[in-house]
Amino acid sequence: MRFSSSRIEKEKLHIDPTDQNDFTRPVTLQRRDPRQPAAGREVKPEEEEPEPEPNPEDEKEAERIAQLKAEKDAWKAMEAAKSAPAIKDPNA
């Protein structure tokens, strides 16, 4: 059988994708507009909250955390210096 049944068919169906009667559009498209919010997600309105005034307790806590971080970094640097020294010039 050399010819398929679709080639033998004399009457060809012509479907015009722009005609709504012949071609119904899909419910959802494959690609979405990236500027639009994702489907199923609510758009949350952006509310600007006034920045609270800094409390002296918060400043003290921030200073304490910064001091602990500095101590930890110094300890890490000291421990790194104890480990195997880096070779400055491998060809020397």
PDB file of N, CA and C in Angstrom:
ATOM      1  N   MET A   1       0.835  -1.169   0.000  1.00  0.00           N
ATOM      2  CA  MET A   1       0.000   0.000   0.000  1.00  0.00           C
ATOM      3  C   MET A   1       0.886   1.240   0.000  1.00  0.00           C
ATOM      4  N   ARG A   2       0.896   1.890  -1.094  1.00  0.00           N
ATOM      5  CA  ARG A   2       1.811   2.994  -1.263  1.00  0.00           C
ATOM      6  C   ARG A   2       1.225   4.323  -0.811  1.00  0.00           C
ATOM      7  N   PHE A   3      -0.038   4.500  -0.924  1.00  0.00           N
ATOM      8  CA  PHE A   3      -0.677   5.760  -0.573  1.00  0.00           C
ATOM      9  C   PHE A   3      -1.448   5.600   0.724  1.00  0.00           C
ATOM     10  N   SER A   4      -1.344   6.578   1.548  1.00  0.00           N
ATOM     11  CA  SER A   4      -2.108   6.506   2.790  1.00  0.00           C
ATOM     12  C   SER A   4      -3.538   6.949   2.535  1.00  0.00           C
ATOM     13  N   SER A   5      -4.394   6.639   3.455  1.00  0.00           N
ATOM     14  CA  SER A   5      -5.804   6.971   3.268  1.00  0.00           C
ATOM     15  C   SER A   5      -6.020   8.481   3.278  1.00  0.00           C
ATOM     16  N   SER A   6      -5.159   9.211   3.947  1.00  0.00           N
ATOM     17  CA  SER A   6      -5.347  10.663   3.966  1.00  0.00           C
ATOM     18  C   SER A   6      -4.995  11.293   2.619  1.00  0.00           C
ATOM     19  N   ARG A   7      -4.084  10.671   1.859  1.00  0.00           N
ATOM     20  CA  ARG A   7      -3.750  11.205   0.547  1.00  0.00           C
ATOM     21  C   ARG A   7      -4.842  10.880  -0.465  1.00  0.00           C
ATOM     22  N   ILE A   8      -5.482   9.770  -0.284  1.00  0.00           N
ATOM     23  CA  ILE A   8      -6.532   9.367  -1.216  1.00  0.00           C
ATOM     24  C   ILE A   8      -7.763  10.241  -1.022  1.00  0.00           C
ATOM     25  N   GLU A   9      -7.946  10.716   0.174  1.00  0.00           N
ATOM     26  CA  GLU A   9      -9.115  11.528   0.475  1.00  0.00           C
ATOM     27  C   GLU A   9      -9.104  12.773  -0.408  1.00  0.00           C
ATOM     28  N   LYS A  10     -10.146  12.949  -1.182  1.00  0.00           N
ATOM     29  CA  LYS A  10     -10.190  14.035  -2.145  1.00  0.00           C
ATOM     30  C   LYS A  10     -10.555  15.360  -1.481  1.00  0.00           C
ATOM     31  N   GLU A  11     -11.438  15.285  -0.558  1.00  0.00           N
ATOM     32  CA  GLU A  11     -11.897  16.519   0.075  1.00  0.00           C
ATOM     33  C   GLU A  11     -10.989  16.836   1.262  1.00  0.00           C
ATOM     34  N   LYS A  12     -10.267  17.946   1.188  1.00  0.00           N
ATOM     35  CA  LYS A  12      -9.377  18.335   2.273  1.00  0.00           C
ATOM     36  C   LYS A  12     -10.114  19.275   3.209  1.00  0.00           C
ATOM     37  N   LEU A  13      -9.894  19.049   4.474  1.00  0.00           N
ATOM     38  CA  LEU A  13     -10.503  19.928   5.458  1.00  0.00           C
ATOM     39  C   LEU A  13      -9.630  21.157   5.626  1.00  0.00           C
ATOM     40  N   HIS A  14     -10.240  22.299   5.537  1.00  0.00           N
ATOM     41  CA  HIS A  14      -9.508  23.545   5.731  1.00  0.00           C
ATOM     42  C   HIS A  14      -9.967  24.161   7.049  1.00  0.00           C
ATOM     43  N   ILE A  15      -9.042  24.260   7.968  1.00  0.00           N
ATOM     44  CA  ILE A  15      -9.357  24.846   9.269  1.00  0.00           C
ATOM     45  C   ILE A  15      -8.632  26.174   9.367  1.00  0.00           C
ATOM     46  N   ASP A  16      -9.397  27.206   9.604  1.00  0.00           N
ATOM     47  CA  ASP A  16      -8.825  28.538   9.760  1.00  0.00           C
ATOM     48  C   ASP A  16      -8.710  28.835  11.254  1.00  0.00           C
ATOM     49  N   PRO A  17      -7.495  28.951  11.788  1.00  0.00           N
ATOM     50  CA  PRO A  17      -7.351  29.181  13.228  1.00  0.00           C
ATOM     51  C   PRO A  17      -7.882  30.534  13.683  1.00  0.00           C
ATOM     52  N   THR A  18      -8.072  31.452  12.746  1.00  0.00           N
ATOM     53  CA  THR A  18      -8.604  32.757  13.147  1.00  0.00           C
ATOM     54  C   THR A  18     -10.123  32.760  13.229  1.00  0.00           C
ATOM     55  N   ASP A  19     -10.765  31.760  12.650  1.00  0.00           N
ATOM     56  CA  ASP A  19     -12.224  31.681  12.684  1.00  0.00           C
ATOM     57  C   ASP A  19     -12.656  30.959  13.958  1.00  0.00           C
ATOM     58  N   GLN A  20     -13.416  31.639  14.811  1.00  0.00           N
ATOM     59  CA  GLN A  20     -13.833  31.068  16.091  1.00  0.00           C
ATOM     60  C   GLN A  20     -14.808  29.903  15.907  1.00  0.00           C
ATOM     61  N   ASN A  21     -15.511  29.834  14.785  1.00  0.00           N
ATOM     62  CA  ASN A  21     -16.450  28.733  14.562  1.00  0.00           C
ATOM     63  C   ASN A  21     -15.719  27.436  14.204  1.00  0.00           C
ATOM     64  N   ASP A  22     -14.641  27.528  13.440  1.00  0.00           N
ATOM     65  CA  ASP A  22     -13.896  26.334  13.037  1.00  0.00           C
ATOM     66  C   ASP A  22     -12.885  25.891  14.091  1.00  0.00           C
ATOM     67  N   PHE A  23     -12.295  26.841  14.748  1.00  0.00           N
ATOM     68  CA  PHE A  23     -11.196  26.527  15.650  1.00  0.00           C
ATOM     69  C   PHE A  23     -11.440  27.202  16.994  1.00  0.00           C
ATOM     70  N   THR A  24     -11.719  26.397  17.994  1.00  0.00           N
ATOM     71  CA  THR A  24     -11.919  26.981  19.322  1.00  0.00           C
ATOM     72  C   THR A  24     -10.561  27.179  19.977  1.00  0.00           C
ATOM     73  N   ARG A  25     -10.390  28.317  20.569  1.00  0.00           N
ATOM     74  CA  ARG A  25      -9.113  28.640  21.201  1.00  0.00           C
ATOM     75  C   ARG A  25      -8.938  27.820  22.469  1.00  0.00           C
ATOM     76  N   PRO A  26      -7.699  27.463  22.827  1.00  0.00           N
ATOM     77  CA  PRO A  26      -7.466  26.713  24.059  1.00  0.00           C
ATOM     78  C   PRO A  26      -7.789  27.572  25.282  1.00  0.00           C
ATOM     79  N   VAL A  27      -8.136  26.895  26.356  1.00  0.00           N
ATOM     80  CA  VAL A  27      -8.503  27.609  27.574  1.00  0.00           C
ATOM     81  C   VAL A  27      -7.289  28.339  28.133  1.00  0.00           C
ATOM     82  N   THR A  28      -6.159  27.658  28.214  1.00  0.00           N
ATOM     83  CA  THR A  28      -4.932  28.293  28.689  1.00  0.00           C
ATOM     84  C   THR A  28      -3.870  28.169  27.613  1.00  0.00           C
ATOM     85  N   LEU A  29      -3.076  29.167  27.494  1.00  0.00           N
ATOM     86  CA  LEU A  29      -2.002  29.143  26.521  1.00  0.00           C
ATOM     87  C   LEU A  29      -0.769  28.510  27.141  1.00  0.00           C
ATOM     88  N   GLN A  30       0.143  28.060  26.307  1.00  0.00           N
ATOM     89  CA  GLN A  30       1.349  27.415  26.812  1.00  0.00           C
ATOM     90  C   GLN A  30       2.269  28.413  27.492  1.00  0.00           C
ATOM     91  N   ARG A  31       2.356  29.592  26.944  1.00  0.00           N
ATOM     92  CA  ARG A  31       3.226  30.610  27.522  1.00  0.00           C
ATOM     93  C   ARG A  31       2.371  31.654  28.209  1.00  0.00           C
ATOM     94  N   ARG A  32       2.888  32.172  29.306  1.00  0.00           N
ATOM     95  CA  ARG A  32       2.155  33.224  29.990  1.00  0.00           C
ATOM     96  C   ARG A  32       2.964  34.505  29.941  1.00  0.00           C
ATOM     97  N   ASP A  33       2.291  35.601  30.137  1.00  0.00           N
ATOM     98  CA  ASP A  33       2.952  36.895  30.147  1.00  0.00           C
ATOM     99  C   ASP A  33       3.714  37.028  31.456  1.00  0.00           C
ATOM    100  N   PRO A  34       5.040  37.179  31.417  1.00  0.00           N
ATOM    101  CA  PRO A  34       5.810  37.232  32.664  1.00  0.00           C
ATOM    102  C   PRO A  34       5.511  38.465  33.498  1.00  0.00           C
ATOM    103  N   ARG A  35       4.910  39.479  32.898  1.00  0.00           N
ATOM    104  CA  ARG A  35       4.588  40.683  33.668  1.00  0.00           C
ATOM    105  C   ARG A  35       3.357  40.481  34.540  1.00  0.00           C
ATOM    106  N   GLN A  36       2.553  39.484  34.211  1.00  0.00           N
ATOM    107  CA  GLN A  36       1.348  39.209  34.981  1.00  0.00           C
ATOM    108  C   GLN A  36       1.680  38.308  36.159  1.00  0.00           C
ATOM    109  N   PRO A  37       0.901  38.386  37.244  1.00  0.00           N
ATOM    110  CA  PRO A  37       1.163  37.486  38.377  1.00  0.00           C
ATOM    111  C   PRO A  37       0.861  36.044  37.996  1.00  0.00           C
ATOM    112  N   ALA A  38       1.508  35.124  38.672  1.00  0.00           N
ATOM    113  CA  ALA A  38       1.316  33.707  38.386  1.00  0.00           C
ATOM    114  C   ALA A  38      -0.123  33.304  38.676  1.00  0.00           C
ATOM    115  N   ALA A  39      -0.598  32.312  37.944  1.00  0.00           N
ATOM    116  CA  ALA A  39      -1.970  31.861  38.115  1.00  0.00           C
ATOM    117  C   ALA A  39      -2.147  31.233  39.487  1.00  0.00           C
ATOM    118  N   GLY A  40      -3.220  31.559  40.148  1.00  0.00           N
ATOM    119  CA  GLY A  40      -3.510  30.983  41.450  1.00  0.00           C
ATOM    120  C   GLY A  40      -2.864  31.721  42.603  1.00  0.00           C
ATOM    121  N   ARG A  41      -2.140  32.760  42.315  1.00  0.00           N
ATOM    122  CA  ARG A  41      -1.509  33.534  43.384  1.00  0.00           C
ATOM    123  C   ARG A  41      -2.212  34.870  43.514  1.00  0.00           C
ATOM    124  N   GLU A  42      -2.399  35.266  44.741  1.00  0.00           N
ATOM    125  CA  GLU A  42      -3.021  36.554  44.988  1.00  0.00           C
ATOM    126  C   GLU A  42      -1.955  37.638  44.962  1.00  0.00           C
ATOM    127  N   VAL A  43      -2.341  38.775  44.465  1.00  0.00           N
ATOM    128  CA  VAL A  43      -1.423  39.904  44.451  1.00  0.00           C
ATOM    129  C   VAL A  43      -1.540  40.601  45.796  1.00  0.00           C
ATOM    130  N   LYS A  44      -0.419  40.638  46.510  1.00  0.00           N
ATOM    131  CA  LYS A  44      -0.426  41.275  47.818  1.00  0.00           C
ATOM    132  C   LYS A  44      -0.074  42.745  47.649  1.00  0.00           C
ATOM    133  N   PRO A  45      -0.904  43.605  48.168  1.00  0.00           N
ATOM    134  CA  PRO A  45      -0.575  45.033  48.059  1.00  0.00           C
ATOM    135  C   PRO A  45       0.628  45.365  48.932  1.00  0.00           C
ATOM    136  N   GLU A  46       1.496  46.183  48.380  1.00  0.00           N
ATOM    137  CA  GLU A  46       2.687  46.563  49.125  1.00  0.00           C
ATOM    138  C   GLU A  46       2.330  47.689  50.090  1.00  0.00           C
ATOM    139  N   GLU A  47       2.549  47.414  51.338  1.00  0.00           N
ATOM    140  CA  GLU A  47       2.271  48.412  52.358  1.00  0.00           C
ATOM    141  C   GLU A  47       3.591  48.874  52.950  1.00  0.00           C
ATOM    142  N   GLU A  48       3.745  50.173  53.018  1.00  0.00           N
ATOM    143  CA  GLU A  48       4.957  50.712  53.613  1.00  0.00           C
ATOM    144  C   GLU A  48       4.734  50.874  55.104  1.00  0.00           C
ATOM    145  N   GLU A  49       5.553  50.178  55.856  1.00  0.00           N
ATOM    146  CA  GLU A  49       5.463  50.292  57.301  1.00  0.00           C
ATOM    147  C   GLU A  49       6.483  51.318  57.755  1.00  0.00           C
ATOM    148  N   PRO A  50       6.088  52.192  58.644  1.00  0.00           N
ATOM    149  CA  PRO A  50       7.063  53.163  59.139  1.00  0.00           C
ATOM    150  C   PRO A  50       8.153  52.457  59.929  1.00  0.00           C
ATOM    151  N   GLU A  51       9.374  52.910  59.730  1.00  0.00           N
ATOM    152  CA  GLU A  51      10.501  52.284  60.395  1.00  0.00           C
ATOM    153  C   GLU A  51      10.460  52.633  61.882  1.00  0.00           C
ATOM    154  N   PRO A  52      10.489  51.623  62.736  1.00  0.00           N
ATOM    155  CA  PRO A  52      10.415  51.922  64.170  1.00  0.00           C
ATOM    156  C   PRO A  52      11.677  52.635  64.645  1.00  0.00           C
ATOM    157  N   GLU A  53      11.495  53.458  65.652  1.00  0.00           N
ATOM    158  CA  GLU A  53      12.640  54.183  66.202  1.00  0.00           C
ATOM    159  C   GLU A  53      13.551  53.191  66.910  1.00  0.00           C
ATOM    160  N   PRO A  54      14.854  53.339  66.728  1.00  0.00           N
ATOM    161  CA  PRO A  54      15.772  52.392  67.366  1.00  0.00           C
ATOM    162  C   PRO A  54      15.770  52.559  68.886  1.00  0.00           C
ATOM    163  N   ASN A  55      15.650  51.439  69.557  1.00  0.00           N
ATOM    164  CA  ASN A  55      15.688  51.445  71.016  1.00  0.00           C
ATOM    165  C   ASN A  55      17.135  51.335  71.475  1.00  0.00           C
ATOM    166  N   PRO A  56      17.454  51.901  72.628  1.00  0.00           N
ATOM    167  CA  PRO A  56      18.818  51.759  73.139  1.00  0.00           C
ATOM    168  C   PRO A  56      19.164  50.299  73.405  1.00  0.00           C
ATOM    169  N   GLU A  57      18.172  49.482  73.778  1.00  0.00           N
ATOM    170  CA  GLU A  57      18.418  48.062  74.024  1.00  0.00           C
ATOM    171  C   GLU A  57      18.812  47.362  72.725  1.00  0.00           C
ATOM    172  N   ASP A  58      18.143  47.734  71.620  1.00  0.00           N
ATOM    173  CA  ASP A  58      18.471  47.135  70.331  1.00  0.00           C
ATOM    174  C   ASP A  58      19.885  47.517  69.898  1.00  0.00           C
ATOM    175  N   GLU A  59      20.273  48.759  70.162  1.00  0.00           N
ATOM    176  CA  GLU A  59      21.621  49.197  69.805  1.00  0.00           C
ATOM    177  C   GLU A  59      22.662  48.429  70.612  1.00  0.00           C
ATOM    178  N   LYS A  60      22.376  48.217  71.890  1.00  0.00           N
ATOM    179  CA  LYS A  60      23.304  47.460  72.739  1.00  0.00           C
ATOM    180  C   LYS A  60      23.412  46.018  72.246  1.00  0.00           C
ATOM    181  N   GLU A  61      22.280  45.450  71.880  1.00  0.00           N
ATOM    182  CA  GLU A  61      22.269  44.072  71.373  1.00  0.00           C
ATOM    183  C   GLU A  61      23.048  43.986  70.058  1.00  0.00           C
ATOM    184  N   ALA A  62      22.881  44.973  69.184  1.00  0.00           N
ATOM    185  CA  ALA A  62      23.604  44.986  67.911  1.00  0.00           C
ATOM    186  C   ALA A  62      25.107  45.108  68.148  1.00  0.00           C
ATOM    187  N   GLU A  63      25.499  45.938  69.106  1.00  0.00           N
ATOM    188  CA  GLU A  63      26.925  46.075  69.436  1.00  0.00           C
ATOM    189  C   GLU A  63      27.481  44.763  69.983  1.00  0.00           C
ATOM    190  N   ARG A  64      26.695  44.095  70.826  1.00  0.00           N
ATOM    191  CA  ARG A  64      27.131  42.821  71.402  1.00  0.00           C
ATOM    192  C   ARG A  64      27.303  41.769  70.300  1.00  0.00           C
ATOM    193  N   ILE A  65      26.367  41.718  69.377  1.00  0.00           N
ATOM    194  CA  ILE A  65      26.443  40.750  68.274  1.00  0.00           C
ATOM    195  C   ILE A  65      27.643  41.060  67.380  1.00  0.00           C
ATOM    196  N   ALA A  66      27.889  42.353  67.114  1.00  0.00           N
ATOM    197  CA  ALA A  66      29.038  42.733  66.290  1.00  0.00           C
ATOM    198  C   ALA A  66      30.342  42.343  66.974  1.00  0.00           C
ATOM    199  N   GLN A  67      30.401  42.503  68.298  1.00  0.00           N
ATOM    200  CA  GLN A  67      31.610  42.139  69.041  1.00  0.00           C
ATOM    201  C   GLN A  67      31.829  40.625  68.993  1.00  0.00           C
ATOM    202  N   LEU A  68      30.760  39.849  69.176  1.00  0.00           N
ATOM    203  CA  LEU A  68      30.878  38.393  69.105  1.00  0.00           C
ATOM    204  C   LEU A  68      31.341  37.949  67.712  1.00  0.00           C
ATOM    205  N   LYS A  69      30.811  38.612  66.687  1.00  0.00           N
ATOM    206  CA  LYS A  69      31.199  38.261  65.321  1.00  0.00           C
ATOM    207  C   LYS A  69      32.675  38.571  65.086  1.00  0.00           C
ATOM    208  N   ALA A  70      33.141  39.710  65.597  1.00  0.00           N
ATOM    209  CA  ALA A  70      34.552  40.075  65.440  1.00  0.00           C
ATOM    210  C   ALA A  70      35.448  39.070  66.159  1.00  0.00           C
ATOM    211  N   GLU A  71      35.040  38.651  67.363  1.00  0.00           N
ATOM    212  CA  GLU A  71      35.816  37.657  68.103  1.00  0.00           C
ATOM    213  C   GLU A  71      35.862  36.327  67.350  1.00  0.00           C
ATOM    214  N   LYS A  72      34.731  35.936  66.793  1.00  0.00           N
ATOM    215  CA  LYS A  72      34.659  34.677  66.051  1.00  0.00           C
ATOM    216  C   LYS A  72      35.542  34.736  64.802  1.00  0.00           C
ATOM    217  N   ASP A  73      35.514  35.865  64.086  1.00  0.00           N
ATOM    218  CA  ASP A  73      36.360  36.019  62.897  1.00  0.00           C
ATOM    219  C   ASP A  73      37.837  35.981  63.270  1.00  0.00           C
ATOM    220  N   ALA A  74      38.190  36.608  64.398  1.00  0.00           N
ATOM    221  CA  ALA A  74      39.587  36.599  64.844  1.00  0.00           C
ATOM    222  C   ALA A  74      40.017  35.179  65.195  1.00  0.00           C
ATOM    223  N   TRP A  75      39.138  34.428  65.861  1.00  0.00           N
ATOM    224  CA  TRP A  75      39.451  33.044  66.227  1.00  0.00           C
ATOM    225  C   TRP A  75      39.636  32.190  64.973  1.00  0.00           C
ATOM    226  N   LYS A  76      38.751  32.396  63.962  1.00  0.00           N
ATOM    227  CA  LYS A  76      38.864  31.642  62.704  1.00  0.00           C
ATOM    228  C   LYS A  76      40.177  31.958  61.999  1.00  0.00           C
ATOM    229  N   ALA A  77      40.571  33.239  62.003  1.00  0.00           N
ATOM    230  CA  ALA A  77      41.826  33.625  61.358  1.00  0.00           C
ATOM    231  C   ALA A  77      43.010  32.991  62.078  1.00  0.00           C
ATOM    232  N   MET A  78      42.954  32.943  63.414  1.00  0.00           N
ATOM    233  CA  MET A  78      44.033  32.346  64.193  1.00  0.00           C
ATOM    234  C   MET A  78      44.117  30.843  63.917  1.00  0.00           C
ATOM    235  N   GLU A  79      42.982  30.164  63.847  1.00  0.00           N
ATOM    236  CA  GLU A  79      42.960  28.733  63.559  1.00  0.00           C
ATOM    237  C   GLU A  79      43.443  28.456  62.137  1.00  0.00           C
ATOM    238  N   ALA A  80      43.088  29.328  61.200  1.00  0.00           N
ATOM    239  CA  ALA A  80      43.530  29.144  59.821  1.00  0.00           C
ATOM    240  C   ALA A  80      45.043  29.315  59.717  1.00  0.00           C
ATOM    241  N   ALA A  81      45.602  30.196  60.547  1.00  0.00           N
ATOM    242  CA  ALA A  81      47.053  30.406  60.525  1.00  0.00           C
ATOM    243  C   ALA A  81      47.783  29.187  61.077  1.00  0.00           C
ATOM    244  N   LYS A  82      47.140  28.445  61.974  1.00  0.00           N
ATOM    245  CA  LYS A  82      47.755  27.253  62.557  1.00  0.00           C
ATOM    246  C   LYS A  82      47.790  26.091  61.569  1.00  0.00           C
ATOM    247  N   SER A  83      46.868  26.077  60.634  1.00  0.00           N
ATOM    248  CA  SER A  83      46.799  24.963  59.692  1.00  0.00           C
ATOM    249  C   SER A  83      47.969  25.041  58.721  1.00  0.00           C
ATOM    250  N   ALA A  84      48.016  24.143  57.794  1.00  0.00           N
ATOM    251  CA  ALA A  84      49.142  24.044  56.865  1.00  0.00           C
ATOM    252  C   ALA A  84      49.351  25.376  56.161  1.00  0.00           C
ATOM    253  N   PRO A  85      50.575  25.882  56.190  1.00  0.00           N
ATOM    254  CA  PRO A  85      50.830  27.177  55.550  1.00  0.00           C
ATOM    255  C   PRO A  85      50.726  27.063  54.033  1.00  0.00           C
ATOM    256  N   ALA A  86      50.332  28.136  53.426  1.00  0.00           N
ATOM    257  CA  ALA A  86      50.204  28.172  51.971  1.00  0.00           C
ATOM    258  C   ALA A  86      51.576  28.357  51.349  1.00  0.00           C
ATOM    259  N   ILE A  87      51.799  27.712  50.229  1.00  0.00           N
ATOM    260  CA  ILE A  87      53.068  27.834  49.521  1.00  0.00           C
ATOM    261  C   ILE A  87      53.003  29.108  48.687  1.00  0.00           C
ATOM    262  N   LYS A  88      53.937  30.009  48.917  1.00  0.00           N
ATOM    263  CA  LYS A  88      53.911  31.284  48.209  1.00  0.00           C
ATOM    264  C   LYS A  88      54.354  31.121  46.764  1.00  0.00           C
ATOM    265  N   ASP A  89      55.455  30.404  46.530  1.00  0.00           N
ATOM    266  CA  ASP A  89      55.958  30.214  45.173  1.00  0.00           C
ATOM    267  C   ASP A  89      56.253  28.729  44.973  1.00  0.00           C
ATOM    268  N   PRO A  90      55.444  28.015  44.206  1.00  0.00           N
ATOM    269  CA  PRO A  90      55.656  26.574  44.058  1.00  0.00           C
ATOM    270  C   PRO A  90      56.930  26.232  43.276  1.00  0.00           C
ATOM    271  N   ASN A  91      57.497  27.161  42.515  1.00  0.00           N
ATOM    272  CA  ASN A  91      58.693  26.890  41.711  1.00  0.00           C
ATOM    273  C   ASN A  91      59.982  27.158  42.475  1.00  0.00           C
ATOM    274  N   ALA A  92      59.899  27.715  43.666  1.00  0.00           N
ATOM    275  CA  ALA A  92      61.116  28.069  44.410  1.00  0.00           C
ATOM    276  C   ALA A  92      61.711  26.889  45.106  1.00  0.00           C
TER     277      ALA A  92
END
